[in-house]
PDB file of all heavy atoms in Angstrom:
ATOM      1  N   ASN A   1      68.324  60.715  93.800  1.00  0.00           N
ATOM      2  CA  ASN A   1      68.334  62.154  93.574  1.00  0.00           C
ATOM      3  C   ASN A   1      67.862  62.872  94.833  1.00  0.00           C
ATOM      4  O   ASN A   1      67.063  62.345  95.603  1.00  0.00           O
ATOM      5  CB  ASN A   1      67.422  62.538  92.400  1.00  0.00           C
ATOM      6  CG  ASN A   1      67.902  61.932  91.092  1.00  0.00           C
ATOM      7  OD1 ASN A   1      69.085  61.661  90.929  1.00  0.00           O
ATOM      8  ND2 ASN A   1      66.987  61.721  90.166  1.00  0.00           N
ATOM      9  N   VAL A   2      68.359  64.096  95.025  1.00  0.00           N
ATOM     10  CA  VAL A   2      67.957  64.929  96.166  1.00  0.00           C
ATOM     11  C   VAL A   2      67.573  66.298  95.635  1.00  0.00           C
ATOM     12  O   VAL A   2      68.351  66.908  94.881  1.00  0.00           O
ATOM     13  CB  VAL A   2      69.108  65.075  97.190  1.00  0.00           C
ATOM     14  CG1 VAL A   2      68.686  65.978  98.348  1.00  0.00           C
ATOM     15  CG2 VAL A   2      69.556  63.716  97.703  1.00  0.00           C
ATOM     16  N   ASP A   3      66.367  66.776  96.016  1.00  0.00           N
ATOM     17  CA  ASP A   3      66.001  68.137  95.607  1.00  0.00           C
ATOM     18  C   ASP A   3      65.922  69.054  96.816  1.00  0.00           C
ATOM     19  O   ASP A   3      66.108  68.624  97.956  1.00  0.00           O
ATOM     20  CB  ASP A   3      64.709  68.155  94.783  1.00  0.00           C
ATOM     21  CG  ASP A   3      63.465  67.810  95.594  1.00  0.00           C
ATOM     22  OD1 ASP A   3      63.414  68.170  96.783  1.00  0.00           O
ATOM     23  OD2 ASP A   3      62.548  67.191  95.034  1.00  0.00           O
ATOM     24  N   ASP A   4      65.639  70.324  96.579  1.00  0.00           N
ATOM     25  CA  ASP A   4      65.756  71.332  97.633  1.00  0.00           C
ATOM     26  C   ASP A   4      64.675  71.248  98.705  1.00  0.00           C
ATOM     27  O   ASP A   4      64.760  71.936  99.723  1.00  0.00           O
ATOM     28  CB  ASP A   4      65.781  72.737  97.035  1.00  0.00           C
ATOM     29  CG  ASP A   4      64.536  73.056  96.218  1.00  0.00           C
ATOM     30  OD1 ASP A   4      63.779  72.119  95.897  1.00  0.00           O
ATOM     31  OD2 ASP A   4      64.317  74.236  95.896  1.00  0.00           O
ATOM     32  N   LYS A   5      63.662  70.429  98.488  1.00  0.00           N
ATOM     33  CA  LYS A   5      62.600  70.272  99.494  1.00  0.00           C
ATOM     34  C   LYS A   5      62.789  69.005 100.332  1.00  0.00           C
ATOM     35  O   LYS A   5      62.037  68.760 101.267  1.00  0.00           O
ATOM     36  CB  LYS A   5      61.223  70.200  98.806  1.00  0.00           C
ATOM     37  CG  LYS A   5      60.839  71.452  98.027  1.00  0.00           C
ATOM     38  CD  LYS A   5      60.589  72.627  98.956  1.00  0.00           C
ATOM     39  CE  LYS A   5      59.993  73.816  98.208  1.00  0.00           C
ATOM     40  NZ  LYS A   5      60.888  74.382  97.190  1.00  0.00           N
ATOM     41  N   ASP A   6      63.802  68.207 100.015  1.00  0.00           N
ATOM     42  CA  ASP A   6      64.009  66.928 100.705  1.00  0.00           C
ATOM     43  C   ASP A   6      64.652  67.134 102.075  1.00  0.00           C
ATOM     44  O   ASP A   6      65.624  67.886 102.230  1.00  0.00           O
ATOM     45  CB  ASP A   6      64.902  66.005  99.869  1.00  0.00           C
ATOM     46  CG  ASP A   6      64.167  65.407  98.689  1.00  0.00           C
ATOM     47  OD1 ASP A   6      62.921  65.344  98.733  1.00  0.00           O
ATOM     48  OD2 ASP A   6      64.831  65.010  97.709  1.00  0.00           O
ATOM     49  N   ARG A   7      64.104  66.438 103.046  1.00  0.00           N
ATOM     50  CA  ARG A   7      64.689  66.392 104.387  1.00  0.00           C
ATOM     51  C   ARG A   7      64.769  64.902 104.743  1.00  0.00           C
ATOM     52  O   ARG A   7      63.821  64.314 105.263  1.00  0.00           O
ATOM     53  CB  ARG A   7      63.821  67.183 105.374  1.00  0.00           C
ATOM     54  CG  ARG A   7      63.622  68.628 104.911  1.00  0.00           C
ATOM     55  CD  ARG A   7      62.588  69.356 105.717  1.00  0.00           C
ATOM     56  NE  ARG A   7      63.109  69.824 106.995  1.00  0.00           N
ATOM     57  CZ  ARG A   7      63.822  70.933 107.163  1.00  0.00           C
ATOM     58  NH1 ARG A   7      64.107  71.703 106.131  1.00  0.00           N
ATOM     59  NH2 ARG A   7      64.254  71.286 108.361  1.00  0.00           N
ATOM     60  N   ILE A   8      65.916  64.321 104.413  1.00  0.00           N
ATOM     61  CA  ILE A   8      66.053  62.859 104.378  1.00  0.00           C
ATOM     62  C   ILE A   8      66.805  62.353 105.605  1.00  0.00           C
ATOM     63  O   ILE A   8      67.922  62.789 105.896  1.00  0.00           O
ATOM     64  CB  ILE A   8      66.797  62.423 103.096  1.00  0.00           C
ATOM     65  CG1 ILE A   8      66.041  62.902 101.852  1.00  0.00           C
ATOM     66  CG2 ILE A   8      66.973  60.906 103.061  1.00  0.00           C
ATOM     67  CD1 ILE A   8      66.805  62.714 100.555  1.00  0.00           C
ATOM     68  N   GLY A   9      66.188  61.414 106.309  1.00  0.00           N
ATOM     69  CA  GLY A   9      66.856  60.716 107.401  1.00  0.00           C
ATOM     70  C   GLY A   9      67.415  59.403 106.881  1.00  0.00           C
ATOM     71  O   GLY A   9      66.699  58.622 106.259  1.00  0.00           O
ATOM     72  N   ILE A  10      68.707  59.162 107.099  1.00  0.00           N
ATOM     73  CA  ILE A  10      69.365  57.944 106.610  1.00  0.00           C
ATOM     74  C   ILE A  10      69.503  56.978 107.777  1.00  0.00           C
ATOM     75  O   ILE A  10      70.104  57.302 108.810  1.00  0.00           O
ATOM     76  CB  ILE A  10      70.746  58.265 106.001  1.00  0.00           C
ATOM     77  CG1 ILE A  10      70.595  59.282 104.865  1.00  0.00           C
ATOM     78  CG2 ILE A  10      71.417  57.005 105.480  1.00  0.00           C
ATOM     79  CD1 ILE A  10      71.917  59.766 104.285  1.00  0.00           C
ATOM     80  N   VAL A  11      68.920  55.772 107.624  1.00  0.00           N
ATOM     81  CA  VAL A  11      68.921  54.797 108.717  1.00  0.00           C
ATOM     82  C   VAL A  11      69.469  53.454 108.231  1.00  0.00           C
ATOM     83  O   VAL A  11      69.464  53.155 107.039  1.00  0.00           O
ATOM     84  CB  VAL A  11      67.505  54.600 109.303  1.00  0.00           C
ATOM     85  CG1 VAL A  11      66.953  55.913 109.840  1.00  0.00           C
ATOM     86  CG2 VAL A  11      66.546  54.007 108.279  1.00  0.00           C
ATOM     87  N   GLY A  12      69.918  52.657 109.189  1.00  0.00           N
ATOM     88  CA  GLY A  12      70.460  51.331 108.896  1.00  0.00           C
ATOM     89  C   GLY A  12      71.298  50.873 110.066  1.00  0.00           C
ATOM     90  O   GLY A  12      71.694  51.679 110.919  1.00  0.00           O
ATOM     91  N   VAL A  13      71.586  49.580 110.138  1.00  0.00           N
ATOM     92  CA  VAL A  13      72.371  49.047 111.256  1.00  0.00           C
ATOM     93  C   VAL A  13      73.795  49.560 111.175  1.00  0.00           C
ATOM     94  O   VAL A  13      74.249  50.043 110.136  1.00  0.00           O
ATOM     95  CB  VAL A  13      72.350  47.496 111.276  1.00  0.00           C
ATOM     96  CG1 VAL A  13      70.933  46.976 111.442  1.00  0.00           C
ATOM     97  CG2 VAL A  13      72.987  46.929 110.007  1.00  0.00           C
ATOM     98  N   ASN A  14      74.510  49.477 112.295  1.00  0.00           N
ATOM     99  CA  ASN A  14      75.915  49.883 112.310  1.00  0.00           C
ATOM    100  C   ASN A  14      76.693  49.107 111.253  1.00  0.00           C
ATOM    101  O   ASN A  14      76.562  47.890 111.139  1.00  0.00           O
ATOM    102  CB  ASN A  14      76.540  49.614 113.685  1.00  0.00           C
ATOM    103  CG  ASN A  14      75.992  50.542 114.750  1.00  0.00           C
ATOM    104  OD1 ASN A  14      75.467  51.600 114.451  1.00  0.00           O
ATOM    105  ND2 ASN A  14      76.105  50.141 116.011  1.00  0.00           N
ATOM    106  N   GLY A  15      77.509  49.828 110.465  1.00  0.00           N
ATOM    107  CA  GLY A  15      78.327  49.186 109.439  1.00  0.00           C
ATOM    108  C   GLY A  15      77.608  48.934 108.130  1.00  0.00           C
ATOM    109  O   GLY A  15      78.171  48.305 107.232  1.00  0.00           O
ATOM    110  N   SER A  16      76.380  49.433 107.984  1.00  0.00           N
ATOM    111  CA  SER A  16      75.616  49.171 106.749  1.00  0.00           C
ATOM    112  C   SER A  16      76.056  50.055 105.584  1.00  0.00           C
ATOM    113  O   SER A  16      75.736  49.762 104.436  1.00  0.00           O
ATOM    114  CB  SER A  16      74.118  49.356 107.006  1.00  0.00           C
ATOM    115  OG  SER A  16      73.837  50.678 107.422  1.00  0.00           O
ATOM    116  N   GLY A  17      76.745  51.164 105.880  1.00  0.00           N
ATOM    117  CA  GLY A  17      77.220  52.031 104.798  1.00  0.00           C
ATOM    118  C   GLY A  17      76.590  53.410 104.785  1.00  0.00           C
ATOM    119  O   GLY A  17      76.683  54.126 103.782  1.00  0.00           O
ATOM    120  N   LYS A  18      75.974  53.835 105.887  1.00  0.00           N
ATOM    121  CA  LYS A  18      75.304  55.142 105.927  1.00  0.00           C
ATOM    122  C   LYS A  18      76.295  56.294 105.728  1.00  0.00           C
ATOM    123  O   LYS A  18      76.072  57.180 104.891  1.00  0.00           O
ATOM    124  CB  LYS A  18      74.572  55.310 107.262  1.00  0.00           C
ATOM    125  CG  LYS A  18      73.525  54.251 107.548  1.00  0.00           C
ATOM    126  CD  LYS A  18      72.760  54.528 108.810  1.00  0.00           C
ATOM    127  CE  LYS A  18      73.601  54.497 110.069  1.00  0.00           C
ATOM    128  NZ  LYS A  18      74.153  53.170 110.389  1.00  0.00           N
ATOM    129  N   SER A  19      77.380  56.278 106.502  1.00  0.00           N
ATOM    130  CA  SER A  19      78.372  57.357 106.386  1.00  0.00           C
ATOM    131  C   SER A  19      79.056  57.325 105.024  1.00  0.00           C
ATOM    132  O   SER A  19      79.380  58.377 104.456  1.00  0.00           O
ATOM    133  CB  SER A  19      79.416  57.252 107.506  1.00  0.00           C
ATOM    134  OG  SER A  19      78.814  57.485 108.762  1.00  0.00           O
ATOM    135  N   THR A  20      79.279  56.120 104.496  1.00  0.00           N
ATOM    136  CA  THR A  20      79.879  55.997 103.156  1.00  0.00           C
ATOM    137  C   THR A  20      78.977  56.649 102.109  1.00  0.00           C
ATOM    138  O   THR A  20      79.449  57.373 101.224  1.00  0.00           O
ATOM    139  CB  THR A  20      80.103  54.511 102.810  1.00  0.00           C
ATOM    140  OG1 THR A  20      80.987  53.935 103.774  1.00  0.00           O
ATOM    141  CG2 THR A  20      80.701  54.352 101.417  1.00  0.00           C
ATOM    142  N   LEU A  21      77.677  56.409 102.201  1.00  0.00           N
ATOM    143  CA  LEU A  21      76.719  57.009 101.263  1.00  0.00           C
ATOM    144  C   LEU A  21      76.774  58.531 101.353  1.00  0.00           C
ATOM    145  O   LEU A  21      76.788  59.225 100.323  1.00  0.00           O
ATOM    146  CB  LEU A  21      75.306  56.518 101.572  1.00  0.00           C
ATOM    147  CG  LEU A  21      74.182  57.125 100.732  1.00  0.00           C
ATOM    148  CD1 LEU A  21      74.352  56.777  99.258  1.00  0.00           C
ATOM    149  CD2 LEU A  21      72.814  56.669 101.220  1.00  0.00           C
ATOM    150  N   MET A  22      76.823  59.060 102.569  1.00  0.00           N
ATOM    151  CA  MET A  22      76.862  60.516 102.734  1.00  0.00           C
ATOM    152  C   MET A  22      78.146  61.104 102.141  1.00  0.00           C
ATOM    153  O   MET A  22      78.121  62.163 101.508  1.00  0.00           O
ATOM    154  CB  MET A  22      76.734  60.869 104.216  1.00  0.00           C
ATOM    155  CG  MET A  22      76.565  62.355 104.465  1.00  0.00           C
ATOM    156  SD  MET A  22      76.143  62.743 106.192  1.00  0.00           S
ATOM    157  CE  MET A  22      74.381  62.476 106.164  1.00  0.00           C
ATOM    158  N   LYS A  23      79.253  60.407 102.337  1.00  0.00           N
ATOM    159  CA  LYS A  23      80.524  60.890 101.768  1.00  0.00           C
ATOM    160  C   LYS A  23      80.509  60.831 100.243  1.00  0.00           C
ATOM    161  O   LYS A  23      81.093  61.689  99.573  1.00  0.00           O
ATOM    162  CB  LYS A  23      81.682  60.065 102.330  1.00  0.00           C
ATOM    163  CG  LYS A  23      81.983  60.379 103.788  1.00  0.00           C
ATOM    164  CD  LYS A  23      83.064  59.467 104.346  1.00  0.00           C
ATOM    165  CE  LYS A  23      83.310  59.747 105.823  1.00  0.00           C
ATOM    166  NZ  LYS A  23      84.277  58.802 106.403  1.00  0.00           N
ATOM    167  N   LEU A  24      79.846  59.814  99.690  1.00  0.00           N
ATOM    168  CA  LEU A  24      79.714  59.725  98.236  1.00  0.00           C
ATOM    169  C   LEU A  24      78.894  60.889  97.690  1.00  0.00           C
ATOM    170  O   LEU A  24      79.305  61.558  96.732  1.00  0.00           O
ATOM    171  CB  LEU A  24      79.036  58.401  97.840  1.00  0.00           C
ATOM    172  CG  LEU A  24      79.869  57.130  97.892  1.00  0.00           C
ATOM    173  CD1 LEU A  24      78.968  55.906  97.774  1.00  0.00           C
ATOM    174  CD2 LEU A  24      80.917  57.129  96.783  1.00  0.00           C
ATOM    175  N   LEU A  25      77.737  61.143  98.303  1.00  0.00           N
ATOM    176  CA  LEU A  25      76.839  62.194  97.811  1.00  0.00           C
ATOM    177  C   LEU A  25      77.449  63.587  97.953  1.00  0.00           C
ATOM    178  O   LEU A  25      77.132  64.483  97.177  1.00  0.00           O
ATOM    179  CB  LEU A  25      75.501  62.118  98.545  1.00  0.00           C
ATOM    180  CG  LEU A  25      74.682  60.841  98.324  1.00  0.00           C
ATOM    181  CD1 LEU A  25      73.423  60.859  99.190  1.00  0.00           C
ATOM    182  CD2 LEU A  25      74.313  60.666  96.850  1.00  0.00           C
ATOM    183  N   SER A  26      78.314  63.764  98.955  1.00  0.00           N
ATOM    184  CA  SER A  26      78.967  65.059  99.161  1.00  0.00           C
ATOM    185  C   SER A  26      80.290  65.159  98.402  1.00  0.00           C
ATOM    186  O   SER A  26      81.001  66.165  98.538  1.00  0.00           O
ATOM    187  CB  SER A  26      79.208  65.291 100.653  1.00  0.00           C
ATOM    188  OG  SER A  26      80.063  64.293 101.181  1.00  0.00           O
ATOM    189  N   LYS A  27      80.633  64.107  97.648  1.00  0.00           N
ATOM    190  CA  LYS A  27      81.852  64.062  96.823  1.00  0.00           C
ATOM    191  C   LYS A  27      83.131  64.058  97.662  1.00  0.00           C
ATOM    192  O   LYS A  27      84.204  64.401  97.182  1.00  0.00           O
ATOM    193  CB  LYS A  27      81.896  65.236  95.837  1.00  0.00           C
ATOM    194  CG  LYS A  27      80.681  65.363  94.938  1.00  0.00           C
ATOM    195  CD  LYS A  27      80.657  64.298  93.848  1.00  0.00           C
ATOM    196  CE  LYS A  27      81.587  64.641  92.709  1.00  0.00           C
ATOM    197  NZ  LYS A  27      81.482  63.670  91.602  1.00  0.00           N
ATOM    198  N   LYS A  28      83.022  63.649  98.918  1.00  0.00           N
ATOM    199  CA  LYS A  28      84.229  63.505  99.733  1.00  0.00           C
ATOM    200  C   LYS A  28      85.025  62.279  99.298  1.00  0.00           C
ATOM    201  O   LYS A  28      86.241  62.224  99.473  1.00  0.00           O
ATOM    202  CB  LYS A  28      83.856  63.403 101.217  1.00  0.00           C
ATOM    203  CG  LYS A  28      83.453  64.730 101.842  1.00  0.00           C
ATOM    204  CD  LYS A  28      83.161  64.568 103.329  1.00  0.00           C
ATOM    205  CE  LYS A  28      82.940  65.917 103.984  1.00  0.00           C
ATOM    206  NZ  LYS A  28      84.162  66.711 104.131  1.00  0.00           N
ATOM    207  N   ILE A  29      84.310  61.267  98.792  1.00  0.00           N
ATOM    208  CA  ILE A  29      84.957  60.113  98.186  1.00  0.00           C
ATOM    209  C   ILE A  29      84.285  59.835  96.849  1.00  0.00           C
ATOM    210  O   ILE A  29      83.156  60.270  96.606  1.00  0.00           O
ATOM    211  CB  ILE A  29      84.896  58.854  99.090  1.00  0.00           C
ATOM    212  CG1 ILE A  29      83.429  58.473  99.407  1.00  0.00           C
ATOM    213  CG2 ILE A  29      85.678  59.061 100.370  1.00  0.00           C
ATOM    214  CD1 ILE A  29      83.287  57.174 100.187  1.00  0.00           C
ATOM    215  N   GLU A  30      84.974  59.114  95.971  1.00  0.00           N
ATOM    216  CA  GLU A  30      84.445  58.799  94.641  1.00  0.00           C
ATOM    217  C   GLU A  30      84.027  57.323  94.585  1.00  0.00           C
ATOM    218  O   GLU A  30      84.659  56.462  95.212  1.00  0.00           O
ATOM    219  CB  GLU A  30      85.497  59.063  93.566  1.00  0.00           C
ATOM    220  CG  GLU A  30      85.837  60.539  93.388  1.00  0.00           C
ATOM    221  CD  GLU A  30      84.658  61.350  92.873  1.00  0.00           C
ATOM    222  OE1 GLU A  30      83.855  60.809  92.075  1.00  0.00           O
ATOM    223  OE2 GLU A  30      84.543  62.524  93.263  1.00  0.00           O
ATOM    224  N   PRO A  31      82.970  57.012  93.839  1.00  0.00           N
ATOM    225  CA  PRO A  31      82.546  55.617  93.702  1.00  0.00           C
ATOM    226  C   PRO A  31      83.483  54.844  92.778  1.00  0.00           C
ATOM    227  O   PRO A  31      84.213  55.427  91.985  1.00  0.00           O
ATOM    228  CB  PRO A  31      81.147  55.751  93.090  1.00  0.00           C
ATOM    229  CG  PRO A  31      81.200  57.015  92.303  1.00  0.00           C
ATOM    230  CD  PRO A  31      82.103  57.931  93.065  1.00  0.00           C
ATOM    231  N   ASP A  32      83.465  53.515  92.906  1.00  0.00           N
ATOM    232  CA  ASP A  32      84.220  52.673  91.974  1.00  0.00           C
ATOM    233  C   ASP A  32      83.566  52.709  90.594  1.00  0.00           C
ATOM    234  O   ASP A  32      84.248  52.663  89.570  1.00  0.00           O
ATOM    235  CB  ASP A  32      84.256  51.219  92.475  1.00  0.00           C
ATOM    236  CG  ASP A  32      84.944  51.105  93.829  1.00  0.00           C
ATOM    237  OD1 ASP A  32      85.867  51.902  94.078  1.00  0.00           O
ATOM    238  OD2 ASP A  32      84.542  50.251  94.629  1.00  0.00           O
ATOM    239  N   GLU A  33      82.252  52.769  90.584  1.00  0.00           N
ATOM    240  CA  GLU A  33      81.484  52.839  89.341  1.00  0.00           C
ATOM    241  C   GLU A  33      80.336  53.822  89.522  1.00  0.00           C
ATOM    242  O   GLU A  33      79.899  54.083  90.642  1.00  0.00           O
ATOM    243  CB  GLU A  33      80.900  51.463  88.978  1.00  0.00           C
ATOM    244  CG  GLU A  33      81.943  50.397  88.688  1.00  0.00           C
ATOM    245  CD  GLU A  33      81.300  49.049  88.372  1.00  0.00           C
ATOM    246  OE1 GLU A  33      80.106  49.031  88.022  1.00  0.00           O
ATOM    247  OE2 GLU A  33      82.004  48.033  88.500  1.00  0.00           O
ATOM    248  N   GLY A  34      79.848  54.361  88.407  1.00  0.00           N
ATOM    249  CA  GLY A  34      78.675  55.223  88.457  1.00  0.00           C
ATOM    250  C   GLY A  34      79.011  56.694  88.418  1.00  0.00           C
ATOM    251  O   GLY A  34      80.186  57.098  88.359  1.00  0.00           O
ATOM    252  N   ASN A  35      77.976  57.509  88.463  1.00  0.00           N
ATOM    253  CA  ASN A  35      78.119  58.948  88.289  1.00  0.00           C
ATOM    254  C   ASN A  35      77.327  59.686  89.369  1.00  0.00           C
ATOM    255  O   ASN A  35      76.158  59.389  89.598  1.00  0.00           O
ATOM    256  CB  ASN A  35      77.598  59.339  86.900  1.00  0.00           C
ATOM    257  CG  ASN A  35      77.733  60.818  86.644  1.00  0.00           C
ATOM    258  OD1 ASN A  35      78.765  61.409  86.924  1.00  0.00           O
ATOM    259  ND2 ASN A  35      76.668  61.425  86.148  1.00  0.00           N
ATOM    260  N   ILE A  36      77.971  60.647  90.034  1.00  0.00           N
ATOM    261  CA  ILE A  36      77.304  61.487  91.030  1.00  0.00           C
ATOM    262  C   ILE A  36      77.541  62.945  90.671  1.00  0.00           C
ATOM    263  O   ILE A  36      78.691  63.385  90.548  1.00  0.00           O
ATOM    264  CB  ILE A  36      77.828  61.204  92.451  1.00  0.00           C
ATOM    265  CG1 ILE A  36      77.556  59.747  92.850  1.00  0.00           C
ATOM    266  CG2 ILE A  36      77.176  62.150  93.464  1.00  0.00           C
ATOM    267  CD1 ILE A  36      78.181  59.330  94.162  1.00  0.00           C
ATOM    268  N   GLN A  37      76.457  63.697  90.485  1.00  0.00           N
ATOM    269  CA  GLN A  37      76.535  65.124  90.189  1.00  0.00           C
ATOM    270  C   GLN A  37      76.015  65.909  91.387  1.00  0.00           C
ATOM    271  O   GLN A  37      74.895  65.694  91.842  1.00  0.00           O
ATOM    272  CB  GLN A  37      75.691  65.469  88.950  1.00  0.00           C
ATOM    273  CG  GLN A  37      76.196  64.837  87.657  1.00  0.00           C
ATOM    274  CD  GLN A  37      77.555  65.365  87.232  1.00  0.00           C
ATOM    275  OE1 GLN A  37      77.878  66.528  87.465  1.00  0.00           O
ATOM    276  NE2 GLN A  37      78.361  64.494  86.641  1.00  0.00           N
ATOM    277  N   LEU A  38      76.863  66.816  91.909  1.00  0.00           N
ATOM    278  CA  LEU A  38      76.492  67.660  93.041  1.00  0.00           C
ATOM    279  C   LEU A  38      76.363  69.088  92.525  1.00  0.00           C
ATOM    280  O   LEU A  38      77.348  69.706  92.125  1.00  0.00           O
ATOM    281  CB  LEU A  38      77.566  67.561  94.132  1.00  0.00           C
ATOM    282  CG  LEU A  38      77.390  68.384  95.399  1.00  0.00           C
ATOM    283  CD1 LEU A  38      76.094  68.052  96.116  1.00  0.00           C
ATOM    284  CD2 LEU A  38      78.568  68.167  96.344  1.00  0.00           C
ATOM    285  N   TYR A  39      75.123  69.611  92.518  1.00  0.00           N
ATOM    286  CA  TYR A  39      74.852  70.916  91.910  1.00  0.00           C
ATOM    287  C   TYR A  39      74.771  72.047  92.938  1.00  0.00           C
ATOM    288  O   TYR A  39      74.444  73.172  92.575  1.00  0.00           O
ATOM    289  CB  TYR A  39      73.519  70.870  91.143  1.00  0.00           C
ATOM    290  CG  TYR A  39      73.459  69.805  90.071  1.00  0.00           C
ATOM    291  CD1 TYR A  39      72.518  68.785  90.143  1.00  0.00           C
ATOM    292  CD2 TYR A  39      74.346  69.803  88.999  1.00  0.00           C
ATOM    293  CE1 TYR A  39      72.448  67.803  89.172  1.00  0.00           C
ATOM    294  CE2 TYR A  39      74.290  68.818  88.020  1.00  0.00           C
ATOM    295  CZ  TYR A  39      73.338  67.821  88.116  1.00  0.00           C
ATOM    296  OH  TYR A  39      73.274  66.850  87.144  1.00  0.00           O
ATOM    297  N   SER A  40      75.036  71.748  94.189  1.00  0.00           N
ATOM    298  CA  SER A  40      74.791  72.738  95.246  1.00  0.00           C
ATOM    299  C   SER A  40      75.988  72.877  96.177  1.00  0.00           C
ATOM    300  O   SER A  40      76.731  71.932  96.404  1.00  0.00           O
ATOM    301  CB  SER A  40      73.565  72.300  96.056  1.00  0.00           C
ATOM    302  OG  SER A  40      73.414  73.077  97.206  1.00  0.00           O
ATOM    303  N   LYS A  41      76.145  74.081  96.727  1.00  0.00           N
ATOM    304  CA  LYS A  41      77.078  74.268  97.834  1.00  0.00           C
ATOM    305  C   LYS A  41      76.441  73.669  99.083  1.00  0.00           C
ATOM    306  O   LYS A  41      75.221  73.588  99.186  1.00  0.00           O
ATOM    307  CB  LYS A  41      77.361  75.747  98.047  1.00  0.00           C
ATOM    308  CG  LYS A  41      78.168  76.366  96.910  1.00  0.00           C
ATOM    309  CD  LYS A  41      78.473  77.824  97.209  1.00  0.00           C
ATOM    310  CE  LYS A  41      79.335  78.415  96.094  1.00  0.00           C
ATOM    311  NZ  LYS A  41      79.660  79.846  96.351  1.00  0.00           N
ATOM    312  N   PHE A  42      77.277  73.261 100.034  1.00  0.00           N
ATOM    313  CA  PHE A  42      76.722  72.575 101.201  1.00  0.00           C
ATOM    314  C   PHE A  42      77.581  72.784 102.431  1.00  0.00           C
ATOM    315  O   PHE A  42      78.747  73.189 102.345  1.00  0.00           O
ATOM    316  CB  PHE A  42      76.586  71.075 100.921  1.00  0.00           C
ATOM    317  CG  PHE A  42      77.909  70.382 100.687  1.00  0.00           C
ATOM    318  CD1 PHE A  42      78.634  69.864 101.749  1.00  0.00           C
ATOM    319  CD2 PHE A  42      78.428  70.252  99.406  1.00  0.00           C
ATOM    320  CE1 PHE A  42      79.857  69.232 101.546  1.00  0.00           C
ATOM    321  CE2 PHE A  42      79.652  69.618  99.190  1.00  0.00           C
ATOM    322  CZ  PHE A  42      80.354  69.111 100.264  1.00  0.00           C
ATOM    323  N   SER A  43      76.988  72.478 103.601  1.00  0.00           N
ATOM    324  CA  SER A  43      77.716  72.387 104.866  1.00  0.00           C
ATOM    325  C   SER A  43      77.723  70.918 105.278  1.00  0.00           C
ATOM    326  O   SER A  43      76.739  70.214 105.066  1.00  0.00           O
ATOM    327  CB  SER A  43      77.037  73.221 105.950  1.00  0.00           C
ATOM    328  OG  SER A  43      77.060  74.587 105.617  1.00  0.00           O
ATOM    329  N   TYR A  44      78.833  70.479 105.877  1.00  0.00           N
ATOM    330  CA  TYR A  44      78.973  69.073 106.267  1.00  0.00           C
ATOM    331  C   TYR A  44      79.337  69.020 107.739  1.00  0.00           C
ATOM    332  O   TYR A  44      80.352  69.566 108.162  1.00  0.00           O
ATOM    333  CB  TYR A  44      80.063  68.398 105.430  1.00  0.00           C
ATOM    334  CG  TYR A  44      80.078  66.887 105.509  1.00  0.00           C
ATOM    335  CD1 TYR A  44      79.540  66.132 104.479  1.00  0.00           C
ATOM    336  CD2 TYR A  44      80.640  66.220 106.593  1.00  0.00           C
ATOM    337  CE1 TYR A  44      79.543  64.746 104.525  1.00  0.00           C
ATOM    338  CE2 TYR A  44      80.641  64.831 106.660  1.00  0.00           C
ATOM    339  CZ  TYR A  44      80.100  64.107 105.618  1.00  0.00           C
ATOM    340  OH  TYR A  44      80.097  62.734 105.666  1.00  0.00           O
TER     341      TYR A  44
END
C-alpha cells in the first residue's frame, strides 16, 4: 500500500523487476493475478 505521506525509493539489481513494479502500481500493465487499486491521479 502507498499513502500520501510515503516517499519510497525502489532499489534492486538490474533486471530484478523495479520498473515492472512501478508499471503495475501505476496501472500501465495488469498483473497475471491479484488486485491493484489506484485511487489517485499521478504524473509518470
